[in-house]
């Protein structure tokens, strides 16, 4: 609304609420023991200031220009003035003519008639030409006026359209600004959200990696510990096995030695027994041989004796 008037809003008056009167309670007949109370200072309530509403300034309305009506009225006044002037002039002329009229002769009358005729003819032609000229002038003026009016209208329209376009451009600009602001805000919000998300993701990834790292470190530590334990165990086992092996070897060698000793003992015992047996056998054989020799000799002696006896 460019030229419209804004209606003033009526001020709403708030109705005051009536305060309800509190009913006083009746005192009971029984007397109660009064307790000593410490006096408290009463708080003074501050009165609230009433807010005065500011009166809205009445906007001055631009009045429409009444150009057409004014011009028409002026024209009419001019026409009226012209007519009255013409009438006055005619009256004055008539009066003058009446004053100038004198008694003339026939010849003079004829001449005057001729002159009058010529004059009237001239006047008529002049009037006709003047009328034509006036008509032409009027037409030209009308055309000019129309052109001017058209131009004015065009200018007004142009101005209005310019104003409208300017307003539209302003509106568009503000809308664009608002949109830009909104989009920028949205973009900022989006980027902030994205950044936040990225940050959280980074944090999560870092947490995960740190957890993984910790886990791997723990695993590595445990692996190291287990490896060390294994190595220690291996060493101890090696030591043990070496000791065991040595002990076993020692035991085996001892056993072998014992066996060898036993065998040697056995062999020596066998040899001794064999020797003894051989000795015994030899002794026996020698005894037998001796006895046999004795027997043989005895037989031989007996035979000899027998032979001798026979003889």
C-alpha atoms as a PDB file:
ATOM      1  CA  UNK A   1       0.000   0.000   0.000  1.00  0.00           C
ATOM      2  CA  UNK A   2       1.653   3.178  -1.219  1.00  0.00           C
ATOM      3  CA  UNK A   3      -0.964   5.812  -0.519  1.00  0.00           C
ATOM      4  CA  UNK A   4      -3.343   3.985   1.812  1.00  0.00           C
ATOM      5  CA  UNK A   5      -3.862   4.931   5.422  1.00  0.00           C
ATOM      6  CA  UNK A   6      -3.029   2.606   8.249  1.00  0.00           C
ATOM      7  CA  UNK A   7      -5.686   2.054  10.830  1.00  0.00           C
ATOM      8  CA  UNK A   8      -4.627   2.896  14.327  1.00  0.00           C
ATOM      9  CA  UNK A   9      -4.970  -0.058  16.672  1.00  0.00           C
ATOM     10  CA  UNK A  10      -7.245   0.595  19.606  1.00  0.00           C
ATOM     11  CA  UNK A  11      -5.551   0.504  22.962  1.00  0.00           C
ATOM     12  CA  UNK A  12      -6.940  -2.314  25.056  1.00  0.00           C
ATOM     13  CA  UNK A  13      -7.610  -1.291  28.625  1.00  0.00           C
ATOM     14  CA  UNK A  14      -7.051  -3.966  31.206  1.00  0.00           C
ATOM     15  CA  UNK A  15      -9.863  -4.423  33.685  1.00  0.00           C
ATOM     16  CA  UNK A  16      -8.833  -4.305  37.313  1.00  0.00           C
ATOM     17  CA  UNK A  17      -9.578  -7.473  39.207  1.00  0.00           C
ATOM     18  CA  UNK A  18     -11.554  -7.023  42.401  1.00  0.00           C
ATOM     19  CA  UNK A  19      -9.757  -8.240  45.472  1.00  0.00           C
ATOM     20  CA  UNK A  20     -11.667 -10.801  47.504  1.00  0.00           C
ATOM     21  CA  UNK A  21     -12.033  -9.951  51.159  1.00  0.00           C
ATOM     22  CA  UNK A  22     -10.634 -12.558  53.487  1.00  0.00           C
ATOM     23  CA  UNK A  23     -12.995 -13.773  56.180  1.00  0.00           C
ATOM     24  CA  UNK A  24     -11.689 -13.433  59.699  1.00  0.00           C
ATOM     25  CA  UNK A  25     -11.522 -16.650  61.661  1.00  0.00           C
ATOM     26  CA  UNK A  26     -13.256 -16.671  65.022  1.00  0.00           C
ATOM     27  CA  UNK A  27     -11.058 -17.243  68.028  1.00  0.00           C
ATOM     28  CA  UNK A  28     -11.636 -20.353  70.068  1.00  0.00           C
ATOM     29  CA  UNK A  29     -12.598 -20.063  73.722  1.00  0.00           C
ATOM     30  CA  UNK A  30      -9.797 -22.292  74.973  1.00  0.00           C
ATOM     31  CA  UNK A  31      -6.749 -20.369  75.930  1.00  0.00           C
ATOM     32  CA  UNK A  32      -3.492 -21.510  74.458  1.00  0.00           C
ATOM     33  CA  UNK A  33      -0.111 -20.897  75.911  1.00  0.00           C
ATOM     34  CA  UNK A  34       1.597 -18.200  74.005  1.00  0.00           C
ATOM     35  CA  UNK A  35       5.033 -18.915  72.711  1.00  0.00           C
ATOM     36  CA  UNK A  36       7.564 -16.192  72.682  1.00  0.00           C
ATOM     37  CA  UNK A  37       8.261 -15.206  69.142  1.00  0.00           C
ATOM     38  CA  UNK A  38      11.238 -13.309  67.916  1.00  0.00           C
ATOM     39  CA  UNK A  39      10.318 -10.213  66.068  1.00  0.00           C
ATOM     40  CA  UNK A  40      11.091 -10.388  62.383  1.00  0.00           C
ATOM     41  CA  UNK A  41      11.721  -7.391  60.249  1.00  0.00           C
ATOM     42  CA  UNK A  42       9.006  -6.836  57.722  1.00  0.00           C
ATOM     43  CA  UNK A  43      10.147  -6.829  54.150  1.00  0.00           C
ATOM     44  CA  UNK A  44       9.089  -3.745  52.285  1.00  0.00           C
ATOM     45  CA  UNK A  45       7.675  -4.624  48.929  1.00  0.00           C
ATOM     46  CA  UNK A  46       8.741  -2.448  46.077  1.00  0.00           C
ATOM     47  CA  UNK A  47       5.944  -1.071  44.018  1.00  0.00           C
ATOM     48  CA  UNK A  48       6.090  -2.185  40.431  1.00  0.00           C
ATOM     49  CA  UNK A  49       6.248   0.617  37.956  1.00  0.00           C
ATOM     50  CA  UNK A  50       3.511   0.615  35.409  1.00  0.00           C
ATOM     51  CA  UNK A  51       4.839   0.245  31.932  1.00  0.00           C
ATOM     52  CA  UNK A  52       3.608   3.039  29.743  1.00  0.00           C
ATOM     53  CA  UNK A  53       2.935   2.018  26.209  1.00  0.00           C
ATOM     54  CA  UNK A  54       4.467   4.280  23.640  1.00  0.00           C
ATOM     55  CA  UNK A  55       2.016   5.824  21.251  1.00  0.00           C
ATOM     56  CA  UNK A  56       2.561   4.845  17.681  1.00  0.00           C
ATOM     57  CA  UNK A  57       3.256   7.760  15.413  1.00  0.00           C
ATOM     58  CA  UNK A  58       0.591   8.320  12.854  1.00  0.00           C
ATOM     59  CA  UNK A  59       2.019   7.974   9.405  1.00  0.00           C
ATOM     60  CA  UNK A  60       1.362  10.926   7.148  1.00  0.00           C
ATOM     61  CA  UNK A  61      -0.654   9.832   4.177  1.00  0.00           C
ATOM     62  CA  UNK A  62       0.180  11.152   0.790  1.00  0.00           C
ATOM     63  CA  UNK A  63      -2.806  12.722  -0.843  1.00  0.00           C
ATOM     64  CA  UNK A  64      -3.602  11.895  -4.420  1.00  0.00           C
ATOM     65  CA  UNK A  65      -3.113  14.718  -6.825  1.00  0.00           C
ATOM     66  CA  UNK A  66      -6.385  15.844  -8.265  1.00  0.00           C
ATOM     67  CA  UNK A  67      -4.933  17.118 -11.488  1.00  0.00           C
ATOM     68  CA  UNK A  68      -7.681  16.216 -13.944  1.00  0.00           C
ATOM     69  CA  UNK A  69     -10.539  17.868 -12.065  1.00  0.00           C
ATOM     70  CA  UNK A  70      -8.540  21.013 -11.311  1.00  0.00           C
ATOM     71  CA  UNK A  71      -7.533  21.400 -14.951  1.00  0.00           C
ATOM     72  CA  UNK A  72     -11.116  20.905 -16.097  1.00  0.00           C
ATOM     73  CA  UNK A  73     -12.353  23.527 -13.648  1.00  0.00           C
ATOM     74  CA  UNK A  74      -9.671  25.967 -14.793  1.00  0.00           C
ATOM     75  CA  UNK A  75     -10.633  25.383 -18.415  1.00  0.00           C
ATOM     76  CA  UNK A  76     -14.285  25.964 -17.696  1.00  0.00           C
ATOM     77  CA  UNK A  77     -13.455  29.188 -15.826  1.00  0.00           C
ATOM     78  CA  UNK A  78     -11.324  30.385 -18.752  1.00  0.00           C
ATOM     79  CA  UNK A  79     -14.121  29.640 -21.235  1.00  0.00           C
ATOM     80  CA  UNK A  80     -16.646  31.508 -19.097  1.00  0.00           C
ATOM     81  CA  UNK A  81     -14.308  34.490 -18.827  1.00  0.00           C
ATOM     82  CA  UNK A  82     -13.770  34.509 -22.603  1.00  0.00           C
ATOM     83  CA  UNK A  83     -17.496  34.398 -23.283  1.00  0.00           C
ATOM     84  CA  UNK A  84     -18.219  37.222 -20.876  1.00  0.00           C
ATOM     85  CA  UNK A  85     -15.409  39.310 -22.421  1.00  0.00           C
ATOM     86  CA  UNK A  86     -16.767  38.720 -25.915  1.00  0.00           C
ATOM     87  CA  UNK A  87     -20.264  39.708 -24.853  1.00  0.00           C
ATOM     88  CA  UNK A  88     -18.949  42.870 -23.218  1.00  0.00           C
ATOM     89  CA  UNK A  89     -16.971  43.783 -26.323  1.00  0.00           C
ATOM     90  CA  UNK A  90     -20.020  43.231 -28.559  1.00  0.00           C
ATOM     91  CA  UNK A  91     -22.140  45.454 -26.356  1.00  0.00           C
ATOM     92  CA  UNK A  92     -19.487  48.148 -26.362  1.00  0.00           C
ATOM     93  CA  UNK A  93     -19.232  47.943 -30.181  1.00  0.00           C
ATOM     94  CA  UNK A  94     -22.992  48.251 -30.556  1.00  0.00           C
ATOM     95  CA  UNK A  95     -23.009  51.294 -28.308  1.00  0.00           C
ATOM     96  CA  UNK A  96     -20.216  52.885 -30.312  1.00  0.00           C
ATOM     97  CA  UNK A  97     -22.026  52.165 -33.580  1.00  0.00           C
ATOM     98  CA  UNK A  98     -25.166  53.744 -32.311  1.00  0.00           C
ATOM     99  CA  UNK A  99     -23.235  56.819 -31.328  1.00  0.00           C
ATOM    100  CA  UNK A 100     -21.444  57.060 -34.695  1.00  0.00           C
ATOM    101  CA  UNK A 101     -24.611  56.747 -36.842  1.00  0.00           C
ATOM    102  CA  UNK A 102     -25.405  59.979 -38.759  1.00  0.00           C
ATOM    103  CA  UNK A 103     -27.636  60.957 -41.610  1.00  0.00           C
ATOM    104  CA  UNK A 104     -26.004  60.016 -44.904  1.00  0.00           C
ATOM    105  CA  UNK A 105     -26.765  60.479 -48.577  1.00  0.00           C
ATOM    106  CA  UNK A 106     -27.925  57.791 -51.036  1.00  0.00           C
ATOM    107  CA  UNK A 107     -24.542  57.648 -52.758  1.00  0.00           C
ATOM    108  CA  UNK A 108     -22.767  57.411 -49.536  1.00  0.00           C
ATOM    109  CA  UNK A 109     -25.232  54.784 -48.384  1.00  0.00           C
ATOM    110  CA  UNK A 110     -24.569  52.718 -51.521  1.00  0.00           C
ATOM    111  CA  UNK A 111     -20.858  53.020 -51.032  1.00  0.00           C
ATOM    112  CA  UNK A 112     -21.129  52.120 -47.449  1.00  0.00           C
ATOM    113  CA  UNK A 113     -23.324  49.149 -48.348  1.00  0.00           C
ATOM    114  CA  UNK A 114     -20.765  47.980 -50.890  1.00  0.00           C
ATOM    115  CA  UNK A 115     -17.988  48.524 -48.454  1.00  0.00           C
ATOM    116  CA  UNK A 116     -20.012  46.762 -45.832  1.00  0.00           C
ATOM    117  CA  UNK A 117     -20.601  43.840 -48.142  1.00  0.00           C
ATOM    118  CA  UNK A 118     -16.971  43.653 -49.024  1.00  0.00           C
ATOM    119  CA  UNK A 119     -16.056  44.020 -45.424  1.00  0.00           C
ATOM    120  CA  UNK A 120     -18.519  41.326 -44.396  1.00  0.00           C
ATOM    121  CA  UNK A 121     -17.180  39.100 -47.162  1.00  0.00           C
ATOM    122  CA  UNK A 122     -13.681  39.799 -46.031  1.00  0.00           C
ATOM    123  CA  UNK A 123     -14.745  39.274 -42.492  1.00  0.00           C
ATOM    124  CA  UNK A 124     -16.431  36.022 -43.388  1.00  0.00           C
ATOM    125  CA  UNK A 125     -13.409  34.792 -45.302  1.00  0.00           C
ATOM    126  CA  UNK A 126     -11.191  35.925 -42.461  1.00  0.00           C
ATOM    127  CA  UNK A 127     -13.515  34.268 -40.008  1.00  0.00           C
ATOM    128  CA  UNK A 128     -13.490  31.093 -42.080  1.00  0.00           C
ATOM    129  CA  UNK A 129      -9.718  31.122 -42.362  1.00  0.00           C
ATOM    130  CA  UNK A 130      -9.411  32.015 -38.709  1.00  0.00           C
ATOM    131  CA  UNK A 131     -11.853  29.235 -37.859  1.00  0.00           C
ATOM    132  CA  UNK A 132      -9.865  26.844 -40.006  1.00  0.00           C
ATOM    133  CA  UNK A 133      -6.650  28.046 -38.439  1.00  0.00           C
ATOM    134  CA  UNK A 134      -8.171  27.834 -34.981  1.00  0.00           C
ATOM    135  CA  UNK A 135      -9.454  24.347 -35.747  1.00  0.00           C
ATOM    136  CA  UNK A 136      -6.025  23.372 -36.998  1.00  0.00           C
ATOM    137  CA  UNK A 137      -4.435  24.994 -33.982  1.00  0.00           C
ATOM    138  CA  UNK A 138      -6.938  23.297 -31.710  1.00  0.00           C
ATOM    139  CA  UNK A 139      -6.266  19.979 -33.406  1.00  0.00           C
ATOM    140  CA  UNK A 140      -2.546  20.560 -33.115  1.00  0.00           C
ATOM    141  CA  UNK A 141      -2.954  21.621 -29.505  1.00  0.00           C
ATOM    142  CA  UNK A 142      -5.149  18.602 -28.834  1.00  0.00           C
ATOM    143  CA  UNK A 143      -2.631  16.376 -30.535  1.00  0.00           C
ATOM    144  CA  UNK A 144       0.175  17.988 -28.573  1.00  0.00           C
ATOM    145  CA  UNK A 145      -1.847  17.690 -25.391  1.00  0.00           C
ATOM    146  CA  UNK A 146      -2.645  14.084 -26.167  1.00  0.00           C
ATOM    147  CA  UNK A 147       0.995  13.456 -26.919  1.00  0.00           C
ATOM    148  CA  UNK A 148       2.004  15.235 -23.726  1.00  0.00           C
ATOM    149  CA  UNK A 149      -0.608  13.302 -21.795  1.00  0.00           C
ATOM    150  CA  UNK A 150       0.550  10.079 -23.371  1.00  0.00           C
ATOM    151  CA  UNK A 151       4.149  10.972 -22.626  1.00  0.00           C
ATOM    152  CA  UNK A 152       3.224  11.920 -19.072  1.00  0.00           C
ATOM    153  CA  UNK A 153       1.306   8.681 -18.697  1.00  0.00           C
ATOM    154  CA  UNK A 154       4.226   6.817 -20.176  1.00  0.00           C
ATOM    155  CA  UNK A 155       6.610   8.632 -17.850  1.00  0.00           C
ATOM    156  CA  UNK A 156       4.338   7.943 -14.902  1.00  0.00           C
ATOM    157  CA  UNK A 157       4.047   4.317 -15.934  1.00  0.00           C
ATOM    158  CA  UNK A 158       7.779   4.167 -16.440  1.00  0.00           C
ATOM    159  CA  UNK A 159       8.308   5.763 -13.036  1.00  0.00           C
ATOM    160  CA  UNK A 160       5.816   3.375 -11.488  1.00  0.00           C
ATOM    161  CA  UNK A 161       7.363   0.395 -13.234  1.00  0.00           C
ATOM    162  CA  UNK A 162      10.811   1.671 -12.295  1.00  0.00           C
ATOM    163  CA  UNK A 163       9.673   2.035  -8.713  1.00  0.00           C
ATOM    164  CA  UNK A 164       8.053  -1.386  -8.890  1.00  0.00           C
ATOM    165  CA  UNK A 165      11.157  -2.891 -10.459  1.00  0.00           C
ATOM    166  CA  UNK A 166      13.326  -1.126  -7.909  1.00  0.00           C
ATOM    167  CA  UNK A 167      11.110  -2.445  -5.138  1.00  0.00           C
ATOM    168  CA  UNK A 168      11.163  -5.874  -6.728  1.00  0.00           C
ATOM    169  CA  UNK A 169      14.929  -5.651  -7.139  1.00  0.00           C
ATOM    170  CA  UNK A 170      15.232  -4.538  -3.518  1.00  0.00           C
ATOM    171  CA  UNK A 171      12.946  -7.373  -2.469  1.00  0.00           C
ATOM    172  CA  UNK A 172      14.888  -9.773  -4.653  1.00  0.00           C
ATOM    173  CA  UNK A 173      18.154  -8.478  -3.234  1.00  0.00           C
ATOM    174  CA  UNK A 174      16.908  -8.823   0.330  1.00  0.00           C
ATOM    175  CA  UNK A 175      15.491 -12.248  -0.478  1.00  0.00           C
ATOM    176  CA  UNK A 176      18.785 -13.193  -2.098  1.00  0.00           C
ATOM    177  CA  UNK A 177      20.641 -11.855   0.937  1.00  0.00           C
ATOM    178  CA  UNK A 178      18.311 -13.745   3.251  1.00  0.00           C
ATOM    179  CA  UNK A 179      18.640 -16.873   1.131  1.00  0.00           C
ATOM    180  CA  UNK A 180      22.405 -16.451   1.052  1.00  0.00           C
ATOM    181  CA  UNK A 181      22.443 -15.934   4.802  1.00  0.00           C
ATOM    182  CA  UNK A 182      20.200 -18.964   5.260  1.00  0.00           C
ATOM    183  CA  UNK A 183      22.296 -21.074   2.899  1.00  0.00           C
ATOM    184  CA  UNK A 184      25.479 -19.847   4.552  1.00  0.00           C
ATOM    185  CA  UNK A 185      23.990 -20.655   7.944  1.00  0.00           C
ATOM    186  CA  UNK A 186      22.897 -24.051   6.638  1.00  0.00           C
ATOM    187  CA  UNK A 187      26.293 -24.586   5.039  1.00  0.00           C
ATOM    188  CA  UNK A 188      28.018 -23.519   8.243  1.00  0.00           C
ATOM    189  CA  UNK A 189      25.777 -25.814  10.243  1.00  0.00           C
ATOM    190  CA  UNK A 190      26.422 -28.628   7.768  1.00  0.00           C
ATOM    191  CA  UNK A 191      30.168 -28.018   7.795  1.00  0.00           C
ATOM    192  CA  UNK A 192      30.158 -27.789  11.582  1.00  0.00           C
ATOM    193  CA  UNK A 193      28.152 -31.016  11.743  1.00  0.00           C
ATOM    194  CA  UNK A 194      30.525 -32.601   9.225  1.00  0.00           C
ATOM    195  CA  UNK A 195      33.524 -31.337  11.168  1.00  0.00           C
ATOM    196  CA  UNK A 196      32.021 -32.595  14.398  1.00  0.00           C
ATOM    197  CA  UNK A 197      31.294 -35.939  12.760  1.00  0.00           C
ATOM    198  CA  UNK A 198      34.806 -36.049  11.337  1.00  0.00           C
ATOM    199  CA  UNK A 199      36.224 -35.108  14.734  1.00  0.00           C
ATOM    200  CA  UNK A 200      34.175 -37.786  16.448  1.00  0.00           C
ATOM    201  CA  UNK A 201      35.131 -40.275  13.741  1.00  0.00           C
ATOM    202  CA  UNK A 202      38.772 -39.285  14.111  1.00  0.00           C
ATOM    203  CA  UNK A 203      38.450 -39.645  17.861  1.00  0.00           C
ATOM    204  CA  UNK A 204      36.786 -43.019  17.442  1.00  0.00           C
ATOM    205  CA  UNK A 205      39.434 -44.137  14.951  1.00  0.00           C
ATOM    206  CA  UNK A 206      42.181 -42.838  17.260  1.00  0.00           C
ATOM    207  CA  UNK A 207      40.557 -44.631  20.175  1.00  0.00           C
ATOM    208  CA  UNK A 208      40.262 -47.788  18.101  1.00  0.00           C
ATOM    209  CA  UNK A 209      43.845 -47.510  16.873  1.00  0.00           C
ATOM    210  CA  UNK A 210      45.082 -46.772  20.379  1.00  0.00           C
ATOM    211  CA  UNK A 211      43.103 -49.746  21.660  1.00  0.00           C
ATOM    212  CA  UNK A 212      44.527 -51.858  18.849  1.00  0.00           C
ATOM    213  CA  UNK A 213      48.004 -50.507  19.548  1.00  0.00           C
ATOM    214  CA  UNK A 214      47.602 -51.203  23.235  1.00  0.00           C
ATOM    215  CA  UNK A 215      46.308 -54.662  22.436  1.00  0.00           C
ATOM    216  CA  UNK A 216      49.179 -55.303  20.035  1.00  0.00           C
ATOM    217  CA  UNK A 217      51.660 -53.912  22.554  1.00  0.00           C
ATOM    218  CA  UNK A 218      50.135 -56.103  25.240  1.00  0.00           C
ATOM    219  CA  UNK A 219      50.225 -59.028  22.841  1.00  0.00           C
ATOM    220  CA  UNK A 220      53.810 -58.238  21.938  1.00  0.00           C
ATOM    221  CA  UNK A 221      54.694 -57.916  25.609  1.00  0.00           C
ATOM    222  CA  UNK A 222      52.954 -61.156  26.420  1.00  0.00           C
ATOM    223  CA  UNK A 223      54.581 -62.781  23.389  1.00  0.00           C
ATOM    224  CA  UNK A 224      57.934 -61.459  24.524  1.00  0.00           C
ATOM    225  CA  UNK A 225      57.267 -62.720  28.004  1.00  0.00           C
ATOM    226  CA  UNK A 226      56.125 -66.078  26.690  1.00  0.00           C
ATOM    227  CA  UNK A 227      59.131 -66.237  24.364  1.00  0.00           C
ATOM    228  CA  UNK A 228      61.414 -65.368  27.251  1.00  0.00           C
ATOM    229  CA  UNK A 229      59.648 -67.955  29.358  1.00  0.00           C
ATOM    230  CA  UNK A 230      59.986 -70.461  26.536  1.00  0.00           C
ATOM    231  CA  UNK A 231      63.631 -69.565  26.092  1.00  0.00           C
ATOM    232  CA  UNK A 232      64.167 -69.891  29.822  1.00  0.00           C
ATOM    233  CA  UNK A 233      62.289 -73.153  29.795  1.00  0.00           C
ATOM    234  CA  UNK A 234      64.303 -74.314  26.814  1.00  0.00           C
ATOM    235  CA  UNK A 235      67.482 -73.291  28.548  1.00  0.00           C
ATOM    236  CA  UNK A 236      66.434 -74.970  31.727  1.00  0.00           C
ATOM    237  CA  UNK A 237      65.250 -77.973  29.745  1.00  0.00           C
ATOM    238  CA  UNK A 238      68.502 -78.010  27.850  1.00  0.00           C
ATOM    239  CA  UNK A 239      70.348 -77.730  31.105  1.00  0.00           C
ATOM    240  CA  UNK A 240      68.167 -80.385  32.596  1.00  0.00           C
ATOM    241  CA  UNK A 241      68.459 -82.573  29.542  1.00  0.00           C
ATOM    242  CA  UNK A 242      72.186 -82.033  29.456  1.00  0.00           C
ATOM    243  CA  UNK A 243      72.391 -82.824  33.133  1.00  0.00           C
ATOM    244  CA  UNK A 244      70.069 -85.743  32.647  1.00  0.00           C
ATOM    245  CA  UNK A 245      72.003 -86.829  29.618  1.00  0.00           C
ATOM    246  CA  UNK A 246      75.224 -86.516  31.514  1.00  0.00           C
ATOM    247  CA  UNK A 247      73.759 -88.376  34.449  1.00  0.00           C
ATOM    248  CA  UNK A 248      72.338 -90.975  32.110  1.00  0.00           C
ATOM    249  CA  UNK A 249      75.646 -91.212  30.342  1.00  0.00           C
ATOM    250  CA  UNK A 250      77.360 -91.462  33.655  1.00  0.00           C
ATOM    251  CA  UNK A 251      74.871 -94.056  34.759  1.00  0.00           C
ATOM    252  CA  UNK A 252      75.278 -95.937  31.514  1.00  0.00           C
ATOM    253  CA  UNK A 253      79.029 -95.770  31.722  1.00  0.00           C
ATOM    254  CA  UNK A 254      78.841 -96.836  35.345  1.00  0.00           C
ATOM    255  CA  UNK A 255      76.552 -99.663  34.357  1.00  0.00           C
ATOM    256  CA  UNK A 256      78.862-100.592  31.545  1.00  0.00           C
ATOM    257  CA  UNK A 257      81.810-100.392  33.847  1.00  0.00           C
ATOM    258  CA  UNK A 258      79.965-102.439  36.417  1.00  0.00           C
ATOM    259  CA  UNK A 259      79.046-104.932  33.737  1.00  0.00           C
ATOM    260  CA  UNK A 260      82.586-104.997  32.492  1.00  0.00           C
ATOM    261  CA  UNK A 261      83.849-105.379  36.020  1.00  0.00           C
ATOM    262  CA  UNK A 262      81.336-108.117  36.639  1.00  0.00           C
ATOM    263  CA  UNK A 263      82.280-109.795  33.395  1.00  0.00           C
ATOM    264  CA  UNK A 264      85.939-109.410  34.182  1.00  0.00           C
ATOM    265  CA  UNK A 265      85.294-110.790  37.676  1.00  0.00           C
ATOM    266  CA  UNK A 266      83.257-113.544  36.186  1.00  0.00           C
ATOM    267  CA  UNK A 267      85.924-114.246  33.640  1.00  0.00           C
ATOM    268  CA  UNK A 268      88.620-114.177  36.274  1.00  0.00           C
ATOM    269  CA  UNK A 269      86.492-116.407  38.475  1.00  0.00           C
ATOM    270  CA  UNK A 270      85.869-118.645  35.510  1.00  0.00           C
ATOM    271  CA  UNK A 271      89.514-118.635  34.691  1.00  0.00           C
ATOM    272  CA  UNK A 272      90.360-119.367  38.306  1.00  0.00           C
ATOM    273  CA  UNK A 273      87.787-122.128  38.460  1.00  0.00           C
ATOM    274  CA  UNK A 274      88.969-123.412  35.133  1.00  0.00           C
ATOM    275  CA  UNK A 275      92.501-123.339  36.374  1.00  0.00           C
ATOM    276  CA  UNK A 276      91.448-125.038  39.544  1.00  0.00           C
ATOM    277  CA  UNK A 277      89.445-127.537  37.602  1.00  0.00           C
ATOM    278  CA  UNK A 278      92.297-128.049  35.214  1.00  0.00           C
ATOM    279  CA  UNK A 279      94.617-128.459  38.133  1.00  0.00           C
ATOM    280  CA  UNK A 280      92.219-130.855  39.741  1.00  0.00           C
ATOM    281  CA  UNK A 281      91.813-132.674  36.464  1.00  0.00           C
ATOM    282  CA  UNK A 282      95.527-132.742  35.959  1.00  0.00           C
ATOM    283  CA  UNK A 283      95.955-133.979  39.485  1.00  0.00           C
ATOM    284  CA  UNK A 284      93.314-136.554  38.929  1.00  0.00           C
ATOM    285  CA  UNK A 285      94.734-137.602  35.618  1.00  0.00           C
ATOM    286  CA  UNK A 286      98.161-137.644  37.103  1.00  0.00           C
ATOM    287  CA  UNK A 287      96.819-139.722  39.981  1.00  0.00           C
ATOM    288  CA  UNK A 288      95.029-142.002  37.565  1.00  0.00           C
ATOM    289  CA  UNK A 289      98.105-142.128  35.426  1.00  0.00           C
ATOM    290  CA  UNK A 290     100.176-142.870  38.493  1.00  0.00           C
ATOM    291  CA  UNK A 291      97.756-145.515  39.631  1.00  0.00           C
ATOM    292  CA  UNK A 292      97.595-146.881  36.152  1.00  0.00           C
ATOM    293  CA  UNK A 293     101.361-146.877  35.991  1.00  0.00           C
ATOM    294  CA  UNK A 294     101.435-148.494  39.376  1.00  0.00           C
ATOM    295  CA  UNK A 295      98.879-150.986  38.280  1.00  0.00           C
ATOM    296  CA  UNK A 296     100.800-151.595  35.096  1.00  0.00           C
ATOM    297  CA  UNK A 297     103.990-151.983  36.980  1.00  0.00           C
ATOM    298  CA  UNK A 298     102.196-154.130  39.510  1.00  0.00           C
ATOM    299  CA  UNK A 299     100.762-156.252  36.696  1.00  0.00           C
ATOM    300  CA  UNK A 300     104.121-156.399  35.108  1.00  0.00           C
ATOM    301  CA  UNK A 301     105.720-157.426  38.370  1.00  0.00           C
ATOM    302  CA  UNK A 302     103.005-159.996  39.048  1.00  0.00           C
ATOM    303  CA  UNK A 303     103.402-161.385  35.551  1.00  0.00           C
ATOM    304  CA  UNK A 304     107.102-161.357  36.028  1.00  0.00           C
ATOM    305  CA  UNK A 305     106.659-163.047  39.335  1.00  0.00           C
ATOM    306  CA  UNK A 306     104.242-165.500  37.756  1.00  0.00           C
ATOM    307  CA  UNK A 307     106.696-166.157  34.989  1.00  0.00           C
ATOM    308  CA  UNK A 308     109.421-166.583  37.385  1.00  0.00           C
ATOM    309  CA  UNK A 309     107.277-168.764  39.496  1.00  0.00           C
ATOM    310  CA  UNK A 310     106.402-170.893  36.524  1.00  0.00           C
ATOM    311  CA  UNK A 311     109.898-171.280  35.744  1.00  0.00           C
END
